[in-house]
């Protein structure tokens, strides 16, 4: 459902491919439910602990940067 609500905000032909909005939303939801309030801490946790990356829909090698979350 989130994918369809946010799909119109992403361009398929301009710029570099964007992170899927539903993955970022899921990641932020997991962050809040985990009691983490800073994106910097969350990104470090995703890079260090595979569990956080997996539930966010990311591979350990391609975790989004802190700035990606601020752009949401």
N, C-alpha and C. Protein backbone atom coordinates (compact mmCIF):
# COMPACT_ATOMS: atom_id res chain seq x y z
N UNK A 1 0.82 -1.19 0.00
CA UNK A 1 0.00 0.00 0.00
C UNK A 1 0.87 1.27 0.00
N UNK A 2 1.91 1.27 0.83
CA UNK A 2 2.80 2.43 0.88
C UNK A 2 3.44 2.65 -0.49
N UNK A 3 3.78 1.57 -1.17
CA UNK A 3 4.41 1.67 -2.48
C UNK A 3 3.53 2.48 -3.44
N UNK A 4 2.26 2.20 -3.47
CA UNK A 4 1.36 2.89 -4.39
C UNK A 4 1.11 4.34 -3.97
N UNK A 5 1.12 4.60 -2.67
CA UNK A 5 0.91 5.97 -2.19
C UNK A 5 2.08 6.88 -2.54
N UNK A 6 3.30 6.32 -2.60
CA UNK A 6 4.49 7.15 -2.80
C UNK A 6 5.09 7.02 -4.19
N UNK A 7 4.56 6.15 -5.02
CA UNK A 7 5.13 5.89 -6.33
C UNK A 7 5.20 7.13 -7.21
N UNK A 8 4.23 8.00 -7.14
CA UNK A 8 4.20 9.17 -8.01
C UNK A 8 5.30 10.17 -7.68
N UNK A 9 5.94 10.05 -6.52
CA UNK A 9 6.99 11.00 -6.14
C UNK A 9 8.36 10.63 -6.69
N UNK A 10 8.49 9.48 -7.34
CA UNK A 10 9.77 9.01 -7.85
C UNK A 10 9.77 9.01 -9.38
N UNK A 11 10.87 9.46 -9.94
CA UNK A 11 11.03 9.47 -11.39
C UNK A 11 11.75 8.20 -11.82
N UNK A 12 11.24 7.54 -12.82
CA UNK A 12 11.88 6.33 -13.33
C UNK A 12 12.92 6.63 -14.39
N UNK A 13 12.92 7.85 -14.92
CA UNK A 13 13.83 8.16 -16.03
C UNK A 13 14.90 9.19 -15.70
N UNK A 14 14.80 9.90 -14.58
CA UNK A 14 15.77 10.93 -14.25
C UNK A 14 16.60 10.55 -13.03
N UNK A 15 17.88 10.87 -13.09
CA UNK A 15 18.75 10.66 -11.93
C UNK A 15 19.06 9.20 -11.67
N UNK A 16 19.72 8.98 -10.57
CA UNK A 16 20.08 7.61 -10.21
C UNK A 16 18.86 6.92 -9.61
N UNK A 17 18.79 5.60 -9.70
CA UNK A 17 17.63 4.88 -9.17
C UNK A 17 17.47 5.15 -7.67
N UNK A 18 16.26 5.39 -7.27
CA UNK A 18 15.96 5.71 -5.87
C UNK A 18 15.79 4.43 -5.07
N UNK A 19 15.96 4.56 -3.76
CA UNK A 19 15.64 3.46 -2.86
C UNK A 19 14.13 3.28 -2.88
N UNK A 20 13.65 2.07 -2.87
CA UNK A 20 12.19 1.87 -2.83
C UNK A 20 11.60 2.51 -1.58
N UNK A 21 10.58 3.32 -1.74
CA UNK A 21 10.02 4.03 -0.59
C UNK A 21 9.46 3.10 0.48
N UNK A 22 8.94 1.95 0.08
CA UNK A 22 8.39 1.03 1.06
C UNK A 22 9.50 0.41 1.91
N UNK A 23 10.71 0.22 1.34
CA UNK A 23 11.83 -0.27 2.14
C UNK A 23 12.28 0.77 3.16
N UNK A 24 12.35 2.02 2.74
CA UNK A 24 12.73 3.09 3.66
C UNK A 24 11.68 3.26 4.76
N UNK A 25 10.41 3.18 4.39
CA UNK A 25 9.34 3.29 5.39
C UNK A 25 9.42 2.15 6.40
N UNK A 26 9.64 0.94 5.91
CA UNK A 26 9.76 -0.23 6.78
C UNK A 26 10.96 -0.08 7.71
N UNK A 27 12.05 0.44 7.18
CA UNK A 27 13.25 0.63 7.98
C UNK A 27 13.02 1.67 9.08
N UNK A 28 12.36 2.78 8.73
CA UNK A 28 12.08 3.81 9.75
C UNK A 28 11.11 3.29 10.81
N UNK A 29 10.16 2.48 10.40
CA UNK A 29 9.23 1.89 11.35
C UNK A 29 9.97 0.96 12.31
N UNK A 30 10.88 0.14 11.79
CA UNK A 30 11.67 -0.74 12.64
C UNK A 30 12.57 0.06 13.57
N UNK A 31 13.08 1.17 13.08
CA UNK A 31 13.93 2.04 13.90
C UNK A 31 13.15 2.57 15.10
N UNK A 32 11.96 3.08 14.84
CA UNK A 32 11.14 3.64 15.91
C UNK A 32 10.70 2.55 16.89
N UNK A 33 10.28 1.40 16.38
CA UNK A 33 9.86 0.31 17.26
C UNK A 33 11.03 -0.23 18.08
N UNK A 34 12.25 -0.09 17.55
CA UNK A 34 13.43 -0.52 18.28
C UNK A 34 13.93 0.50 19.29
N UNK A 35 13.27 1.65 19.36
CA UNK A 35 13.63 2.67 20.33
C UNK A 35 14.81 3.53 19.91
N UNK A 36 15.15 3.52 18.64
CA UNK A 36 16.27 4.33 18.14
C UNK A 36 15.70 5.60 17.53
N UNK A 37 16.26 6.72 17.89
CA UNK A 37 15.71 8.00 17.43
C UNK A 37 16.65 8.78 16.52
N UNK A 38 17.85 8.27 16.26
CA UNK A 38 18.81 8.98 15.41
C UNK A 38 19.14 8.12 14.19
N UNK A 39 19.08 8.73 13.02
CA UNK A 39 19.40 8.00 11.79
C UNK A 39 20.85 7.52 11.79
N UNK A 40 21.74 8.30 12.37
CA UNK A 40 23.15 7.92 12.41
C UNK A 40 23.34 6.60 13.16
N UNK A 41 22.68 6.46 14.27
CA UNK A 41 22.76 5.23 15.08
C UNK A 41 22.11 4.07 14.32
N UNK A 42 20.99 4.34 13.67
CA UNK A 42 20.28 3.29 12.95
C UNK A 42 21.11 2.75 11.78
N UNK A 43 21.72 3.64 11.02
CA UNK A 43 22.53 3.19 9.89
C UNK A 43 23.73 2.39 10.39
N UNK A 44 24.36 2.83 11.46
CA UNK A 44 25.47 2.06 12.04
C UNK A 44 25.00 0.67 12.48
N UNK A 45 23.83 0.60 13.10
CA UNK A 45 23.28 -0.70 13.52
C UNK A 45 23.00 -1.59 12.31
N UNK A 46 22.47 -1.02 11.24
CA UNK A 46 22.19 -1.83 10.05
C UNK A 46 23.47 -2.36 9.42
N UNK A 47 24.54 -1.57 9.49
CA UNK A 47 25.82 -2.02 8.91
C UNK A 47 26.51 -3.06 9.77
N UNK A 48 26.28 -3.01 11.08
CA UNK A 48 26.96 -3.91 12.00
C UNK A 48 26.17 -5.19 12.27
N UNK A 49 24.85 -5.10 12.24
CA UNK A 49 24.02 -6.26 12.57
C UNK A 49 23.10 -6.59 11.41
N UNK A 50 23.33 -7.75 10.86
CA UNK A 50 22.61 -8.20 9.67
C UNK A 50 21.09 -8.18 9.86
N UNK A 51 20.60 -8.47 11.05
CA UNK A 51 19.17 -8.52 11.32
C UNK A 51 18.48 -7.21 10.93
N UNK A 52 19.05 -6.08 11.34
CA UNK A 52 18.43 -4.79 11.05
C UNK A 52 18.41 -4.51 9.55
N UNK A 53 19.45 -4.89 8.85
CA UNK A 53 19.49 -4.69 7.40
C UNK A 53 18.43 -5.55 6.71
N UNK A 54 18.30 -6.78 7.15
CA UNK A 54 17.35 -7.71 6.52
C UNK A 54 15.91 -7.25 6.73
N UNK A 55 15.55 -6.85 7.95
CA UNK A 55 14.16 -6.42 8.17
C UNK A 55 13.86 -5.09 7.49
N UNK A 56 14.93 -4.37 7.11
CA UNK A 56 14.74 -3.13 6.37
C UNK A 56 14.66 -3.36 4.87
N UNK A 57 14.89 -4.58 4.43
CA UNK A 57 14.83 -4.89 3.01
C UNK A 57 16.12 -4.56 2.28
N UNK A 58 17.23 -4.48 3.00
CA UNK A 58 18.53 -4.13 2.41
C UNK A 58 19.48 -5.32 2.50
N UNK A 59 20.48 -5.30 1.62
CA UNK A 59 21.58 -6.23 1.75
C UNK A 59 22.64 -5.57 2.61
N UNK A 60 23.43 -6.36 3.26
CA UNK A 60 24.47 -5.81 4.14
C UNK A 60 25.45 -4.95 3.36
N UNK A 61 25.66 -5.27 2.10
CA UNK A 61 26.61 -4.52 1.27
C UNK A 61 26.02 -3.20 0.77
N UNK A 62 24.73 -3.04 0.82
CA UNK A 62 24.11 -1.85 0.24
C UNK A 62 23.10 -1.21 1.19
N UNK A 63 23.56 -0.85 2.36
CA UNK A 63 22.72 -0.16 3.33
C UNK A 63 22.64 1.31 2.94
N UNK A 64 21.45 1.92 2.94
CA UNK A 64 21.36 3.33 2.58
C UNK A 64 22.12 4.20 3.57
N UNK A 65 22.61 5.32 3.09
CA UNK A 65 23.34 6.25 3.94
C UNK A 65 22.41 7.07 4.81
N UNK A 66 23.01 7.77 5.74
CA UNK A 66 22.23 8.60 6.66
C UNK A 66 21.45 9.65 5.90
N UNK A 67 22.06 10.27 4.90
CA UNK A 67 21.39 11.32 4.12
C UNK A 67 20.15 10.83 3.39
N UNK A 68 20.13 9.57 3.04
CA UNK A 68 18.96 9.00 2.37
C UNK A 68 17.74 9.07 3.26
N UNK A 69 17.92 8.83 4.53
CA UNK A 69 16.79 8.89 5.46
C UNK A 69 16.35 10.34 5.70
N UNK A 70 17.28 11.28 5.68
CA UNK A 70 16.90 12.68 5.85
C UNK A 70 16.15 13.21 4.63
N UNK A 71 16.38 12.62 3.47
CA UNK A 71 15.69 13.06 2.24
C UNK A 71 14.24 12.60 2.19
N UNK A 72 13.87 11.61 3.02
CA UNK A 72 12.51 11.06 2.97
C UNK A 72 11.49 12.06 3.44
